[in-house]
C-alpha atoms as a PDB file:
ATOM      1  CA  GLU A   1      72.526  72.231  77.171  1.00  0.00           C
ATOM      2  CA  ALA A   2      73.602  74.840  74.607  1.00  0.00           C
ATOM      3  CA  PHE A   3      76.033  76.414  77.108  1.00  0.00           C
ATOM      4  CA  GLN A   4      77.472  73.003  77.854  1.00  0.00           C
ATOM      5  CA  LYS A   5      77.976  72.135  74.222  1.00  0.00           C
ATOM      6  CA  THR A   6      79.717  75.419  73.598  1.00  0.00           C
ATOM      7  CA  LEU A   7      81.955  74.903  76.612  1.00  0.00           C
ATOM      8  CA  GLU A   8      82.894  71.480  75.469  1.00  0.00           C
ATOM      9  CA  ALA A   9      83.705  72.703  71.960  1.00  0.00           C
ATOM     10  CA  ALA A  10      85.887  75.520  73.453  1.00  0.00           C
ATOM     11  CA  THR A  11      87.641  73.080  75.769  1.00  0.00           C
ATOM     12  CA  ARG A  12      88.448  70.739  72.849  1.00  0.00           C
ATOM     13  CA  SER A  13      89.755  73.674  70.714  1.00  0.00           C
ATOM     14  CA  LEU A  14      92.369  74.576  73.417  1.00  0.00           C
ATOM     15  CA  VAL A  15      91.586  78.317  72.862  1.00  0.00           C
ATOM     16  CA  PRO A  16      92.002  80.619  75.895  1.00  0.00           C
ATOM     17  CA  ILE A  17      88.681  81.504  77.417  1.00  0.00           C
ATOM     18  CA  ALA A  18      88.396  85.062  78.777  1.00  0.00           C
ATOM     19  CA  GLY A  19      85.073  84.545  80.416  1.00  0.00           C
ATOM     20  CA  VAL A  20      81.321  84.551  79.970  1.00  0.00           C
ATOM     21  CA  VAL A  21      79.484  87.686  79.196  1.00  0.00           C
ATOM     22  CA  LEU A  22      76.004  88.900  78.115  1.00  0.00           C
ATOM     23  CA  LEU A  23      76.150  90.047  74.512  1.00  0.00           C
ATOM     24  CA  PRO A  24      73.715  93.099  74.911  1.00  0.00           C
ATOM     25  CA  VAL A  25      75.531  94.347  78.004  1.00  0.00           C
ATOM     26  CA  GLU A  26      79.035  94.144  76.382  1.00  0.00           C
ATOM     27  CA  SER A  27      77.825  95.566  73.076  1.00  0.00           C
ATOM     28  CA  SER A  28      76.032  98.617  74.646  1.00  0.00           C
ATOM     29  CA  ASN A  29      79.220 100.733  74.518  1.00  0.00           C
ATOM     30  CA  MET A  30      79.667  99.673  70.859  1.00  0.00           C
ATOM     31  CA  VAL A  31      76.187 101.031  70.112  1.00  0.00           C
ATOM     32  CA  LYS A  32      77.038 104.310  71.916  1.00  0.00           C
ATOM     33  CA  LYS A  33      80.336 104.698  70.001  1.00  0.00           C
ATOM     34  CA  LEU A  34      78.826 103.887  66.722  1.00  0.00           C
ATOM     35  CA  ALA A  35      76.049 106.422  67.101  1.00  0.00           C
ATOM     36  CA  GLU A  36      78.749 109.052  67.618  1.00  0.00           C
ATOM     37  CA  LYS A  37      80.581 107.902  64.535  1.00  0.00           C
ATOM     38  CA  VAL A  38      77.757 107.607  61.963  1.00  0.00           C
ATOM     39  CA  GLY A  39      76.433 111.059  62.131  1.00  0.00           C
ATOM     40  CA  GLY A  40      76.958 114.545  63.270  1.00  0.00           C
ATOM     41  CA  LYS A  41      75.988 116.714  66.239  1.00  0.00           C
ATOM     42  CA  GLU A  42      72.357 115.531  66.324  1.00  0.00           C
ATOM     43  CA  GLU A  43      73.379 111.846  66.677  1.00  0.00           C
ATOM     44  CA  LYS A  44      75.872 112.696  69.484  1.00  0.00           C
ATOM     45  CA  GLU A  45      73.271 114.608  71.406  1.00  0.00           C
ATOM     46  CA  ALA A  46      70.410 112.143  70.988  1.00  0.00           C
ATOM     47  CA  ARG A  47      69.815 110.400  74.352  1.00  0.00           C
ATOM     48  CA  TRP A  48      68.377 107.218  72.778  1.00  0.00           C
ATOM     49  CA  THR A  49      69.878 104.791  70.274  1.00  0.00           C
ATOM     50  CA  ILE A  50      68.418 101.537  68.891  1.00  0.00           C
ATOM     51  CA  PHE A  51      70.809  99.177  67.112  1.00  0.00           C
ATOM     52  CA  MET A  52      69.106  96.400  65.050  1.00  0.00           C
ATOM     53  CA  GLY A  53      70.671  93.494  63.377  1.00  0.00           C
ATOM     54  CA  GLN A  54      69.731  90.015  62.262  1.00  0.00           C
ATOM     55  CA  HIS A  55      71.704  87.106  63.487  1.00  0.00           C
ATOM     56  CA  GLN A  56      72.693  83.941  61.539  1.00  0.00           C
ATOM     57  CA  SER A  57      70.087  82.067  63.584  1.00  0.00           C
ATOM     58  CA  GLY A  58      67.386  84.236  61.997  1.00  0.00           C
ATOM     59  CA  GLY A  59      66.611  86.229  65.053  1.00  0.00           C
ATOM     60  CA  LEU A  60      66.462  90.021  65.156  1.00  0.00           C
ATOM     61  CA  ARG A  61      68.411  91.504  68.058  1.00  0.00           C
ATOM     62  CA  GLN A  62      67.509  95.069  69.176  1.00  0.00           C
ATOM     63  CA  ILE A  63      69.773  96.747  71.699  1.00  0.00           C
ATOM     64  CA  VAL A  64      68.473 100.035  73.034  1.00  0.00           C
ATOM     65  CA  ILE A  65      70.582 102.464  74.995  1.00  0.00           C
ATOM     66  CA  LYS A  66      69.678 105.590  76.837  1.00  0.00           C
ATOM     67  CA  ASP A  67      72.437 108.087  77.794  1.00  0.00           C
ATOM     68  CA  GLY A  68      75.012 105.422  76.932  1.00  0.00           C
ATOM     69  CA  GLU A  69      73.528 102.791  79.241  1.00  0.00           C
ATOM     70  CA  LEU A  70      71.674  99.539  78.231  1.00  0.00           C
ATOM     71  CA  ALA A  71      67.951 100.311  78.724  1.00  0.00           C
ATOM     72  CA  LEU A  72      66.359  97.358  76.880  1.00  0.00           C
ATOM     73  CA  THR A  73      67.243  94.423  74.632  1.00  0.00           C
ATOM     74  CA  ARG A  74      64.921  92.213  72.522  1.00  0.00           C
ATOM     75  CA  MET A  75      65.661  89.061  70.545  1.00  0.00           C
ATOM     76  CA  THR A  76      62.777  87.922  68.287  1.00  0.00           C
ATOM     77  CA  PRO A  77      62.571  85.347  65.521  1.00  0.00           C
ATOM     78  CA  LEU A  78      61.978  86.537  61.965  1.00  0.00           C
ATOM     79  CA  ALA A  79      59.836  84.640  59.483  1.00  0.00           C
ATOM     80  CA  GLU A  80      61.119  86.515  56.505  1.00  0.00           C
ATOM     81  CA  SER A  81      64.637  86.933  55.026  1.00  0.00           C
ATOM     82  CA  ALA A  82      66.222  90.025  53.362  1.00  0.00           C
ATOM     83  CA  GLU A  83      65.999  88.148  50.061  1.00  0.00           C
ATOM     84  CA  ASN A  84      62.390  89.448  50.175  1.00  0.00           C
ATOM     85  CA  PRO A  85      63.127  93.068  51.080  1.00  0.00           C
ATOM     86  CA  ASP A  86      59.431  94.290  51.264  1.00  0.00           C
ATOM     87  CA  ALA A  87      58.266  91.457  53.541  1.00  0.00           C
ATOM     88  CA  TRP A  88      61.439  91.671  55.605  1.00  0.00           C
ATOM     89  CA  ALA A  89      61.198  95.437  56.026  1.00  0.00           C
ATOM     90  CA  ASN A  90      57.463  95.063  57.165  1.00  0.00           C
ATOM     91  CA  GLU A  91      58.422  92.581  59.801  1.00  0.00           C
ATOM     92  CA  ILE A  92      61.316  94.697  61.024  1.00  0.00           C
ATOM     93  CA  GLN A  93      59.043  97.643  61.265  1.00  0.00           C
ATOM     94  CA  GLN A  94      56.491  95.588  63.361  1.00  0.00           C
ATOM     95  CA  GLU A  95      59.226  94.472  65.740  1.00  0.00           C
ATOM     96  CA  PHE A  96      60.469  98.151  66.009  1.00  0.00           C
ATOM     97  CA  GLN A  97      56.928  99.199  66.907  1.00  0.00           C
ATOM     98  CA  ALA A  98      56.819  96.641  69.600  1.00  0.00           C
ATOM     99  CA  THR A  99      60.110  97.940  70.980  1.00  0.00           C
ATOM    100  CA  MET A 100      58.812 101.590  70.941  1.00  0.00           C
ATOM    101  CA  SER A 101      55.805 100.489  72.924  1.00  0.00           C
ATOM    102  CA  TYR A 102      58.226  99.201  75.579  1.00  0.00           C
ATOM    103  CA  LEU A 103      60.304 102.465  75.551  1.00  0.00           C
ATOM    104  CA  SER A 104      57.234 104.513  76.474  1.00  0.00           C
ATOM    105  CA  ARG A 105      57.383 102.732  79.831  1.00  0.00           C
ATOM    106  CA  PHE A 106      61.075 103.713  80.220  1.00  0.00           C
ATOM    107  CA  GLY A 107      60.230 107.359  79.802  1.00  0.00           C
ATOM    108  CA  PHE A 108      60.906 107.794  76.103  1.00  0.00           C
ATOM    109  CA  ASP A 109      60.293 111.266  74.854  1.00  0.00           C
ATOM    110  CA  ALA A 110      60.724 112.133  71.136  1.00  0.00           C
ATOM    111  CA  GLU A 111      62.349 115.398  72.033  1.00  0.00           C
ATOM    112  CA  ASP A 112      65.216 113.477  73.769  1.00  0.00           C
ATOM    113  CA  GLY A 113      66.407 112.484  70.186  1.00  0.00           C
ATOM    114  CA  LEU A 114      66.553 108.972  68.755  1.00  0.00           C
ATOM    115  CA  ASN A 115      69.193 107.300  66.555  1.00  0.00           C
ATOM    116  CA  ILE A 116      68.364 104.048  64.788  1.00  0.00           C
ATOM    117  CA  ILE A 117      71.168 101.974  63.325  1.00  0.00           C
ATOM    118  CA  MET A 118      70.270  99.070  61.179  1.00  0.00           C
ATOM    119  CA  VAL A 119      72.659  96.362  59.908  1.00  0.00           C
ATOM    120  CA  SER A 120      71.163  95.121  56.682  1.00  0.00           C
ATOM    121  CA  GLU A 121      71.384  94.691  52.876  1.00  0.00           C
ATOM    122  CA  PRO A 122      71.172  98.200  51.353  1.00  0.00           C
ATOM    123  CA  GLU A 123      67.709  97.867  49.604  1.00  0.00           C
ATOM    124  CA  ALA A 124      66.124  96.181  52.621  1.00  0.00           C
ATOM    125  CA  GLY A 125      67.598  98.799  54.885  1.00  0.00           C
ATOM    126  CA  GLU A 126      66.174 101.678  52.740  1.00  0.00           C
ATOM    127  CA  LYS A 127      62.768 100.044  52.845  1.00  0.00           C
ATOM    128  CA  VAL A 128      62.903  99.841  56.659  1.00  0.00           C
ATOM    129  CA  GLY A 129      63.843 103.510  56.824  1.00  0.00           C
ATOM    130  CA  ALA A 130      60.883 104.429  54.558  1.00  0.00           C
ATOM    131  CA  LEU A 131      58.438 102.570  56.959  1.00  0.00           C
ATOM    132  CA  LEU A 132      59.578 104.186  60.188  1.00  0.00           C
ATOM    133  CA  ASP A 133      56.980 106.629  61.403  1.00  0.00           C
ATOM    134  CA  VAL A 134      59.072 108.204  64.244  1.00  0.00           C
ATOM    135  CA  GLN A 135      61.287 111.203  64.138  1.00  0.00           C
ATOM    136  CA  CYS A 136      64.781 109.850  64.214  1.00  0.00           C
ATOM    137  CA  ASN A 137      68.326 109.811  62.776  1.00  0.00           C
ATOM    138  CA  TYR A 138      68.215 106.602  60.688  1.00  0.00           C
ATOM    139  CA  HIS A 139      71.348 104.766  59.346  1.00  0.00           C
ATOM    140  CA  SER A 140      71.450 101.469  57.381  1.00  0.00           C
ATOM    141  CA  LEU A 141      74.869  99.871  57.090  1.00  0.00           C
ATOM    142  CA  ALA A 142      76.422  96.555  56.163  1.00  0.00           C
ATOM    143  CA  ALA A 143      78.471  94.869  58.923  1.00  0.00           C
ATOM    144  CA  ASP A 144      81.671  95.526  57.034  1.00  0.00           C
ATOM    145  CA  ASP A 145      80.934  99.291  56.978  1.00  0.00           C
ATOM    146  CA  VAL A 146      80.360  99.257  60.739  1.00  0.00           C
ATOM    147  CA  ALA A 147      83.482  97.311  61.209  1.00  0.00           C
ATOM    148  CA  GLN A 148      85.520  99.901  59.224  1.00  0.00           C
ATOM    149  CA  LEU A 149      84.059 102.795  61.285  1.00  0.00           C
ATOM    150  CA  MET A 150      84.821 100.915  64.573  1.00  0.00           C
ATOM    151  CA  ARG A 151      88.208  99.498  63.452  1.00  0.00           C
ATOM    152  CA  LEU A 152      87.091  95.949  63.948  1.00  0.00           C
ATOM    153  CA  ASN A 153      88.436  92.953  62.130  1.00  0.00           C
ATOM    154  CA  LEU A 154      85.575  90.709  61.058  1.00  0.00           C
ATOM    155  CA  GLY A 155      87.625  88.259  59.003  1.00  0.00           C
ATOM    156  CA  ALA A 156      86.119  86.591  55.946  1.00  0.00           C
ATOM    157  CA  GLN A 157      82.260  86.472  56.143  1.00  0.00           C
ATOM    158  CA  ASP A 158      79.702  84.711  53.977  1.00  0.00           C
ATOM    159  CA  ASN A 159      77.110  87.431  54.714  1.00  0.00           C
ATOM    160  CA  TYR A 160      78.031  91.039  55.499  1.00  0.00           C
ATOM    161  CA  TYR A 161      74.426  91.930  56.325  1.00  0.00           C
ATOM    162  CA  LEU A 162      74.303  89.838  59.601  1.00  0.00           C
ATOM    163  CA  ALA A 163      75.415  91.376  62.835  1.00  0.00           C
ATOM    164  CA  ASP A 164      76.830  88.298  64.653  1.00  0.00           C
ATOM    165  CA  ALA A 165      80.490  88.920  63.711  1.00  0.00           C
ATOM    166  CA  LEU A 166      80.287  92.586  64.798  1.00  0.00           C
ATOM    167  CA  HIS A 167      79.339  91.656  68.346  1.00  0.00           C
ATOM    168  CA  VAL A 168      82.022  88.955  68.489  1.00  0.00           C
ATOM    169  CA  ALA A 169      84.770  91.265  67.115  1.00  0.00           C
ATOM    170  CA  TRP A 170      83.819  94.078  69.548  1.00  0.00           C
ATOM    171  CA  ILE A 171      83.594  91.876  72.690  1.00  0.00           C
ATOM    172  CA  GLY A 172      86.723  89.950  71.642  1.00  0.00           C
ATOM    173  CA  LYS A 173      88.728  93.193  71.465  1.00  0.00           C
ATOM    174  CA  LYS A 174      87.944  94.136  75.075  1.00  0.00           C
ATOM    175  CA  SER A 175      90.502  93.866  77.826  1.00  0.00           C
ATOM    176  CA  ARG A 176      87.868  94.345  80.546  1.00  0.00           C
ATOM    177  CA  PHE A 177      84.194  93.412  80.453  1.00  0.00           C
ATOM    178  CA  ILE A 178      81.340  95.603  81.776  1.00  0.00           C
ATOM    179  CA  LEU A 179      79.611  92.689  83.551  1.00  0.00           C
ATOM    180  CA  PRO A 180      81.704  89.400  83.645  1.00  0.00           C
ATOM    181  CA  MET A 181      79.543  86.387  84.611  1.00  0.00           C
ATOM    182  CA  LYS A 182      80.727  83.709  86.989  1.00  0.00           C
ATOM    183  CA  ALA A 183      80.678  80.163  85.951  1.00  0.00           C
ATOM    184  CA  LYS A 184      82.471  77.267  87.654  1.00  0.00           C
ATOM    185  CA  GLN A 185      82.763  75.339  84.377  1.00  0.00           C
ATOM    186  CA  ILE A 186      84.628  78.296  82.818  1.00  0.00           C
ATOM    187  CA  ASP A 187      86.994  78.738  85.790  1.00  0.00           C
ATOM    188  CA  HIS A 188      87.809  74.989  85.606  1.00  0.00           C
ATOM    189  CA  VAL A 189      89.000  75.464  82.003  1.00  0.00           C
ATOM    190  CA  SER A 190      90.252  79.051  81.899  1.00  0.00           C
ATOM    191  CA  LYS A 191      92.469  79.241  85.071  1.00  0.00           C
ATOM    192  CA  PRO A 192      94.897  76.478  84.160  1.00  0.00           C
ATOM    193  CA  ARG A 193      95.273  77.940  80.714  1.00  0.00           C
ATOM    194  CA  GLN A 194      95.853  81.428  82.086  1.00  0.00           C
ATOM    195  CA  GLY A 195      98.573  79.992  84.475  1.00  0.00           C
ATOM    196  CA  ALA A 196     100.141  78.221  81.524  1.00  0.00           C
ATOM    197  CA  ALA A 197     100.180  81.360  79.368  1.00  0.00           C
ATOM    198  CA  MET A 198     101.828  83.378  82.181  1.00  0.00           C
ATOM    199  CA  GLY A 199     104.365  80.711  82.689  1.00  0.00           C
ATOM    200  CA  ILE A 200     105.273  80.751  79.040  1.00  0.00           C
END
């Protein structure tokens, strides 16, 4: 139902539709590149990176990459908001612990090196960093700081501590997708528009 509503809105808007993709898959190379840009040699050599950011819907998305490839993704609802930094940081830390328990099944070894990149409000981000009990390279950044590092145009945002716009800007800038999904509904709308654009 949500997919159908989104497609109907895109159809009415007359915007060109490039395709359907899975956000964690397409953002995995953003996470890899960001890890190389935020730090020095240690971050570049670390085999694991966890990117965490809250979405406008309230959910926390975690994207985990190993050796530059998507290893795991989790999307979990958050009860707290960053307006209450202590409670928010505690909830993030609990979700992080749950992710780490999954990673042990993927062969995580602390000696491999771990980067953690958090998109958050500065005070809340600092509190998360203080709660982490794992050896890692930790960075807390606002979305506009990430955008500047990655040369992404976010446009005007009401909240620069949410990660939605980063993913959209990154994926929207791609000329080729890692894993394009097939959908008859999309082909029905996008192919005539692509033909029209080529004709113009």
